Amino acid sequence: MISPKAGDDDERHFSRQTYRLQEAAKILGIGRNQAYEAAKRGEIPSIKVGKRVLVPRAALERLLRGEA
């Protein structure tokens, strides 16, 4: 399981359910531009909220396990 870094009080009480695409790229070991292209092609599951592109933690974990 991917563990979020310790932060403010809210993060200690609630587990993060999404990562910014840049964070997911770092976890996957790929560049930012490559991550945006992969998300656009649907290779990285993502959710667009306004201008932000978020990757659900559960989907990223499945991708890392080779299940996605």
PDB file of N, CA and C in Angstrom:
ATOM      1  N   MET A   1       0.842  -1.171   0.000  1.00  0.00           N
ATOM      2  CA  MET A   1       0.000   0.000   0.000  1.00  0.00           C
ATOM      3  C   MET A   1       0.889   1.237   0.000  1.00  0.00           C
ATOM      4  N   ILE A   2       0.477   2.272  -0.710  1.00  0.00           N
ATOM      5  CA  ILE A   2       1.213   3.523  -0.780  1.00  0.00           C
ATOM      6  C   ILE A   2       0.812   4.378   0.404  1.00  0.00           C
ATOM      7  N   SER A   3       1.798   4.858   1.146  1.00  0.00           N
ATOM      8  CA  SER A   3       1.509   5.649   2.338  1.00  0.00           C
ATOM      9  C   SER A   3       1.753   7.121   2.075  1.00  0.00           C
ATOM     10  N   PRO A   4       0.768   7.978   2.360  1.00  0.00           N
ATOM     11  CA  PRO A   4       1.000   9.416   2.212  1.00  0.00           C
ATOM     12  C   PRO A   4       1.972   9.906   3.268  1.00  0.00           C
ATOM     13  N   LYS A   5       2.709  10.944   2.947  1.00  0.00           N
ATOM     14  CA  LYS A   5       3.627  11.502   3.929  1.00  0.00           C
ATOM     15  C   LYS A   5       2.839  12.200   5.030  1.00  0.00           C
ATOM     16  N   ALA A   6       3.418  12.240   6.209  1.00  0.00           N
ATOM     17  CA  ALA A   6       2.755  12.888   7.344  1.00  0.00           C
ATOM     18  C   ALA A   6       2.629  14.380   7.073  1.00  0.00           C
ATOM     19  N   GLY A   7       1.493  14.944   7.424  1.00  0.00           N
ATOM     20  CA  GLY A   7       1.270  16.366   7.174  1.00  0.00           C
ATOM     21  C   GLY A   7       0.514  17.001   8.309  1.00  0.00           C
ATOM     22  N   ASP A   8      -0.449  17.823   7.967  1.00  0.00           N
ATOM     23  CA  ASP A   8      -1.217  18.517   8.992  1.00  0.00           C
ATOM     24  C   ASP A   8      -2.176  17.562   9.707  1.00  0.00           C
ATOM     25  N   ASP A   9      -2.952  18.097  10.638  1.00  0.00           N
ATOM     26  CA  ASP A   9      -3.853  17.276  11.446  1.00  0.00           C
ATOM     27  C   ASP A   9      -4.848  16.492  10.602  1.00  0.00           C
ATOM     28  N   ASP A  10      -5.382  17.103   9.526  1.00  0.00           N
ATOM     29  CA  ASP A  10      -6.362  16.414   8.691  1.00  0.00           C
ATOM     30  C   ASP A  10      -5.780  15.145   8.091  1.00  0.00           C
ATOM     31  N   GLU A  11      -4.530  15.195   7.624  1.00  0.00           N
ATOM     32  CA  GLU A  11      -3.928  14.017   7.011  1.00  0.00           C
ATOM     33  C   GLU A  11      -3.678  12.913   8.031  1.00  0.00           C
ATOM     34  N   ARG A  12      -3.524  13.269   9.281  1.00  0.00           N
ATOM     35  CA  ARG A  12      -3.342  12.248  10.310  1.00  0.00           C
ATOM     36  C   ARG A  12      -4.648  11.528  10.605  1.00  0.00           C
ATOM     37  N   HIS A  13      -5.774  12.201  10.398  1.00  0.00           N
ATOM     38  CA  HIS A  13      -7.076  11.617  10.688  1.00  0.00           C
ATOM     39  C   HIS A  13      -7.707  10.956   9.466  1.00  0.00           C
ATOM     40  N   PHE A  14      -7.378  11.428   8.279  1.00  0.00           N
ATOM     41  CA  PHE A  14      -7.972  10.917   7.052  1.00  0.00           C
ATOM     42  C   PHE A  14      -6.872  10.511   6.080  1.00  0.00           C
ATOM     43  N   SER A  15      -6.994   9.328   5.542  1.00  0.00           N
ATOM     44  CA  SER A  15      -6.028   8.849   4.558  1.00  0.00           C
ATOM     45  C   SER A  15      -6.342   9.495   3.210  1.00  0.00           C
ATOM     46  N   ARG A  16      -5.313   9.934   2.508  1.00  0.00           N
ATOM     47  CA  ARG A  16      -5.508  10.532   1.185  1.00  0.00           C
ATOM     48  C   ARG A  16      -6.049   9.492   0.223  1.00  0.00           C
ATOM     49  N   GLN A  17      -7.027   9.883  -0.548  1.00  0.00           N
ATOM     50  CA  GLN A  17      -7.631   8.970  -1.512  1.00  0.00           C
ATOM     51  C   GLN A  17      -7.171   9.256  -2.936  1.00  0.00           C
ATOM     52  N   THR A  18      -6.528  10.396  -3.150  1.00  0.00           N
ATOM     53  CA  THR A  18      -6.043  10.743  -4.487  1.00  0.00           C
ATOM     54  C   THR A  18      -4.646  11.341  -4.396  1.00  0.00           C
ATOM     55  N   TYR A  19      -3.942  11.278  -5.522  1.00  0.00           N
ATOM     56  CA  TYR A  19      -2.638  11.922  -5.670  1.00  0.00           C
ATOM     57  C   TYR A  19      -2.701  12.855  -6.866  1.00  0.00           C
ATOM     58  N   ARG A  20      -1.960  13.958  -6.806  1.00  0.00           N
ATOM     59  CA  ARG A  20      -1.817  14.801  -7.983  1.00  0.00           C
ATOM     60  C   ARG A  20      -1.081  13.981  -9.038  1.00  0.00           C
ATOM     61  N   LEU A  21      -1.314  14.258 -10.290  1.00  0.00           N
ATOM     62  CA  LEU A  21      -0.691  13.484 -11.356  1.00  0.00           C
ATOM     63  C   LEU A  21       0.828  13.538 -11.259  1.00  0.00           C
ATOM     64  N   GLN A  22       1.382  14.676 -10.831  1.00  0.00           N
ATOM     65  CA  GLN A  22       2.830  14.790 -10.682  1.00  0.00           C
ATOM     66  C   GLN A  22       3.344  13.822  -9.606  1.00  0.00           C
ATOM     67  N   GLU A  23       2.576  13.647  -8.518  1.00  0.00           N
ATOM     68  CA  GLU A  23       2.958  12.714  -7.462  1.00  0.00           C
ATOM     69  C   GLU A  23       2.898  11.277  -7.977  1.00  0.00           C
ATOM     70  N   ALA A  24       1.855  10.962  -8.727  1.00  0.00           N
ATOM     71  CA  ALA A  24       1.724   9.617  -9.293  1.00  0.00           C
ATOM     72  C   ALA A  24       2.873   9.334 -10.257  1.00  0.00           C
ATOM     73  N   ALA A  25       3.262  10.344 -11.037  1.00  0.00           N
ATOM     74  CA  ALA A  25       4.383  10.178 -11.965  1.00  0.00           C
ATOM     75  C   ALA A  25       5.657   9.820 -11.207  1.00  0.00           C
ATOM     76  N   LYS A  26       5.889  10.496 -10.111  1.00  0.00           N
ATOM     77  CA  LYS A  26       7.089  10.230  -9.301  1.00  0.00           C
ATOM     78  C   LYS A  26       7.055   8.807  -8.746  1.00  0.00           C
ATOM     79  N   ILE A  27       5.893   8.379  -8.261  1.00  0.00           N
ATOM     80  CA  ILE A  27       5.734   7.029  -7.726  1.00  0.00           C
ATOM     81  C   ILE A  27       5.985   5.996  -8.823  1.00  0.00           C
ATOM     82  N   LEU A  28       5.505   6.289 -10.038  1.00  0.00           N
ATOM     83  CA  LEU A  28       5.661   5.372 -11.166  1.00  0.00           C
ATOM     84  C   LEU A  28       7.044   5.441 -11.802  1.00  0.00           C
ATOM     85  N   GLY A  29       7.801   6.477 -11.475  1.00  0.00           N
ATOM     86  CA  GLY A  29       9.140   6.623 -12.039  1.00  0.00           C
ATOM     87  C   GLY A  29       9.142   7.128 -13.467  1.00  0.00           C
ATOM     88  N   ILE A  30       8.146   7.954 -13.793  1.00  0.00           N
ATOM     89  CA  ILE A  30       8.069   8.537 -15.134  1.00  0.00           C
ATOM     90  C   ILE A  30       8.028  10.053 -15.015  1.00  0.00           C
ATOM     91  N   GLY A  31       8.244  10.726 -16.115  1.00  0.00           N
ATOM     92  CA  GLY A  31       8.226  12.173 -16.125  1.00  0.00           C
ATOM     93  C   GLY A  31       6.824  12.749 -16.125  1.00  0.00           C
ATOM     94  N   ARG A  32       6.742  14.020 -15.800  1.00  0.00           N
ATOM     95  CA  ARG A  32       5.461  14.729 -15.727  1.00  0.00           C
ATOM     96  C   ARG A  32       4.727  14.709 -17.068  1.00  0.00           C
ATOM     97  N   ASN A  33       5.426  15.042 -18.143  1.00  0.00           N
ATOM     98  CA  ASN A  33       4.788  15.075 -19.467  1.00  0.00           C
ATOM     99  C   ASN A  33       4.309  13.694 -19.883  1.00  0.00           C
ATOM    100  N   GLN A  34       5.123  12.681 -19.615  1.00  0.00           N
ATOM    101  CA  GLN A  34       4.737  11.311 -19.945  1.00  0.00           C
ATOM    102  C   GLN A  34       3.493  10.908 -19.159  1.00  0.00           C
ATOM    103  N   ALA A  35       3.397  11.339 -17.902  1.00  0.00           N
ATOM    104  CA  ALA A  35       2.228  11.030 -17.079  1.00  0.00           C
ATOM    105  C   ALA A  35       0.968  11.688 -17.643  1.00  0.00           C
ATOM    106  N   TYR A  36       1.080  12.954 -18.055  1.00  0.00           N
ATOM    107  CA  TYR A  36      -0.086  13.630 -18.633  1.00  0.00           C
ATOM    108  C   TYR A  36      -0.538  12.949 -19.921  1.00  0.00           C
ATOM    109  N   GLU A  37       0.410  12.532 -20.754  1.00  0.00           N
ATOM    110  CA  GLU A  37       0.055  11.840 -21.995  1.00  0.00           C
ATOM    111  C   GLU A  37      -0.593  10.492 -21.701  1.00  0.00           C
ATOM    112  N   ALA A  38      -0.044   9.749 -20.728  1.00  0.00           N
ATOM    113  CA  ALA A  38      -0.609   8.449 -20.360  1.00  0.00           C
ATOM    114  C   ALA A  38      -2.022   8.611 -19.792  1.00  0.00           C
ATOM    115  N   ALA A  39      -2.247   9.653 -18.998  1.00  0.00           N
ATOM    116  CA  ALA A  39      -3.586   9.910 -18.460  1.00  0.00           C
ATOM    117  C   ALA A  39      -4.550  10.263 -19.584  1.00  0.00           C
ATOM    118  N   LYS A  40      -4.078  11.044 -20.537  1.00  0.00           N
ATOM    119  CA  LYS A  40      -4.917  11.432 -21.680  1.00  0.00           C
ATOM    120  C   LYS A  40      -5.326  10.204 -22.498  1.00  0.00           C
ATOM    121  N   ARG A  41      -4.408   9.231 -22.630  1.00  0.00           N
ATOM    122  CA  ARG A  41      -4.694   7.996 -23.372  1.00  0.00           C
ATOM    123  C   ARG A  41      -5.483   6.990 -22.536  1.00  0.00           C
ATOM    124  N   GLY A  42      -5.655   7.253 -21.246  1.00  0.00           N
ATOM    125  CA  GLY A  42      -6.385   6.347 -20.368  1.00  0.00           C
ATOM    126  C   GLY A  42      -5.517   5.258 -19.758  1.00  0.00           C
ATOM    127  N   GLU A  43      -4.203   5.338 -19.922  1.00  0.00           N
ATOM    128  CA  GLU A  43      -3.292   4.344 -19.360  1.00  0.00           C
ATOM    129  C   GLU A  43      -3.089   4.531 -17.856  1.00  0.00           C
ATOM    130  N   ILE A  44      -3.236   5.761 -17.396  1.00  0.00           N
ATOM    131  CA  ILE A  44      -3.230   6.060 -15.966  1.00  0.00           C
ATOM    132  C   ILE A  44      -4.641   6.550 -15.624  1.00  0.00           C
ATOM    133  N   PRO A  45      -5.369   5.814 -14.785  1.00  0.00           N
ATOM    134  CA  PRO A  45      -6.720   6.255 -14.412  1.00  0.00           C
ATOM    135  C   PRO A  45      -6.656   7.608 -13.714  1.00  0.00           C
ATOM    136  N   SER A  46      -7.485   8.544 -14.152  1.00  0.00           N
ATOM    137  CA  SER A  46      -7.427   9.886 -13.567  1.00  0.00           C
ATOM    138  C   SER A  46      -8.802  10.523 -13.530  1.00  0.00           C
ATOM    139  N   ILE A  47      -8.888  11.547 -12.693  1.00  0.00           N
ATOM    140  CA  ILE A  47     -10.111  12.334 -12.523  1.00  0.00           C
ATOM    141  C   ILE A  47      -9.712  13.784 -12.695  1.00  0.00           C
ATOM    142  N   LYS A  48     -10.428  14.522 -13.511  1.00  0.00           N
ATOM    143  CA  LYS A  48     -10.133  15.941 -13.669  1.00  0.00           C
ATOM    144  C   LYS A  48     -11.115  16.738 -12.811  1.00  0.00           C
ATOM    145  N   VAL A  49     -10.573  17.557 -11.932  1.00  0.00           N
ATOM    146  CA  VAL A  49     -11.376  18.422 -11.061  1.00  0.00           C
ATOM    147  C   VAL A  49     -10.906  19.840 -11.340  1.00  0.00           C
ATOM    148  N   GLY A  50     -11.710  20.571 -12.089  1.00  0.00           N
ATOM    149  CA  GLY A  50     -11.269  21.889 -12.525  1.00  0.00           C
ATOM    150  C   GLY A  50     -10.051  21.712 -13.421  1.00  0.00           C
ATOM    151  N   LYS A  51      -8.952  22.369 -13.068  1.00  0.00           N
ATOM    152  CA  LYS A  51      -7.715  22.228 -13.833  1.00  0.00           C
ATOM    153  C   LYS A  51      -6.802  21.150 -13.269  1.00  0.00           C
ATOM    154  N   ARG A  52      -7.168  20.595 -12.123  1.00  0.00           N
ATOM    155  CA  ARG A  52      -6.331  19.579 -11.477  1.00  0.00           C
ATOM    156  C   ARG A  52      -6.640  18.205 -12.041  1.00  0.00           C
ATOM    157  N   VAL A  53      -5.590  17.405 -12.227  1.00  0.00           N
ATOM    158  CA  VAL A  53      -5.736  16.014 -12.641  1.00  0.00           C
ATOM    159  C   VAL A  53      -5.303  15.161 -11.461  1.00  0.00           C
ATOM    160  N   LEU A  54      -6.228  14.349 -10.958  1.00  0.00           N
ATOM    161  CA  LEU A  54      -5.978  13.527  -9.785  1.00  0.00           C
ATOM    162  C   LEU A  54      -6.018  12.047 -10.151  1.00  0.00           C
ATOM    163  N   VAL A  55      -5.219  11.260  -9.454  1.00  0.00           N
ATOM    164  CA  VAL A  55      -5.177   9.817  -9.662  1.00  0.00           C
ATOM    165  C   VAL A  55      -5.666   9.154  -8.377  1.00  0.00           C
ATOM    166  N   PRO A  56      -6.750   8.386  -8.451  1.00  0.00           N
ATOM    167  CA  PRO A  56      -7.225   7.692  -7.244  1.00  0.00           C
ATOM    168  C   PRO A  56      -6.160   6.728  -6.716  1.00  0.00           C
ATOM    169  N   ARG A  57      -5.976   6.732  -5.402  1.00  0.00           N
ATOM    170  CA  ARG A  57      -4.967   5.876  -4.780  1.00  0.00           C
ATOM    171  C   ARG A  57      -5.209   4.405  -5.102  1.00  0.00           C
ATOM    172  N   ALA A  58      -6.448   3.949  -5.013  1.00  0.00           N
ATOM    173  CA  ALA A  58      -6.759   2.542  -5.273  1.00  0.00           C
ATOM    174  C   ALA A  58      -6.402   2.159  -6.713  1.00  0.00           C
ATOM    175  N   ALA A  59      -6.678   3.046  -7.661  1.00  0.00           N
ATOM    176  CA  ALA A  59      -6.358   2.772  -9.065  1.00  0.00           C
ATOM    177  C   ALA A  59      -4.849   2.722  -9.279  1.00  0.00           C
ATOM    178  N   LEU A  60      -4.114   3.611  -8.609  1.00  0.00           N
ATOM    179  CA  LEU A  60      -2.658   3.613  -8.725  1.00  0.00           C
ATOM    180  C   LEU A  60      -2.082   2.335  -8.130  1.00  0.00           C
ATOM    181  N   GLU A  61      -2.621   1.881  -7.012  1.00  0.00           N
ATOM    182  CA  GLU A  61      -2.154   0.641  -6.397  1.00  0.00           C
ATOM    183  C   GLU A  61      -2.418  -0.554  -7.312  1.00  0.00           C
ATOM    184  N   ARG A  62      -3.604  -0.592  -7.958  1.00  0.00           N
ATOM    185  CA  ARG A  62      -3.902  -1.672  -8.913  1.00  0.00           C
ATOM    186  C   ARG A  62      -2.932  -1.635 -10.088  1.00  0.00           C
ATOM    187  N   LEU A  63      -2.638  -0.439 -10.570  1.00  0.00           N
ATOM    188  CA  LEU A  63      -1.709  -0.276 -11.689  1.00  0.00           C
ATOM    189  C   LEU A  63      -0.332  -0.809 -11.308  1.00  0.00           C
ATOM    190  N   LEU A  64       0.125  -0.489 -10.115  1.00  0.00           N
ATOM    191  CA  LEU A  64       1.434  -0.952  -9.652  1.00  0.00           C
ATOM    192  C   LEU A  64       1.489  -2.468  -9.458  1.00  0.00           C
ATOM    193  N   ARG A  65       0.349  -3.074  -9.124  1.00  0.00           N
ATOM    194  CA  ARG A  65       0.290  -4.522  -8.979  1.00  0.00           C
ATOM    195  C   ARG A  65       0.108  -5.226 -10.316  1.00  0.00           C
ATOM    196  N   GLY A  66      -0.080  -4.450 -11.380  1.00  0.00           N
ATOM    197  CA  GLY A  66      -0.269  -5.026 -12.708  1.00  0.00           C
ATOM    198  C   GLY A  66      -1.679  -5.500 -12.980  1.00  0.00           C
ATOM    199  N   GLU A  67      -2.627  -5.025 -12.185  1.00  0.00           N
ATOM    200  CA  GLU A  67      -4.025  -5.445 -12.329  1.00  0.00           C
ATOM    201  C   GLU A  67      -4.836  -4.502 -13.202  1.00  0.00           C
ATOM    202  N   ALA A  68      -4.298  -3.345 -13.497  1.00  0.00           N
ATOM    203  CA  ALA A  68      -5.076  -2.341 -14.258  1.00  0.00           C
ATOM    204  C   ALA A  68      -4.821  -2.456 -15.738  1.00  0.00           C
TER     205      ALA A  68
END
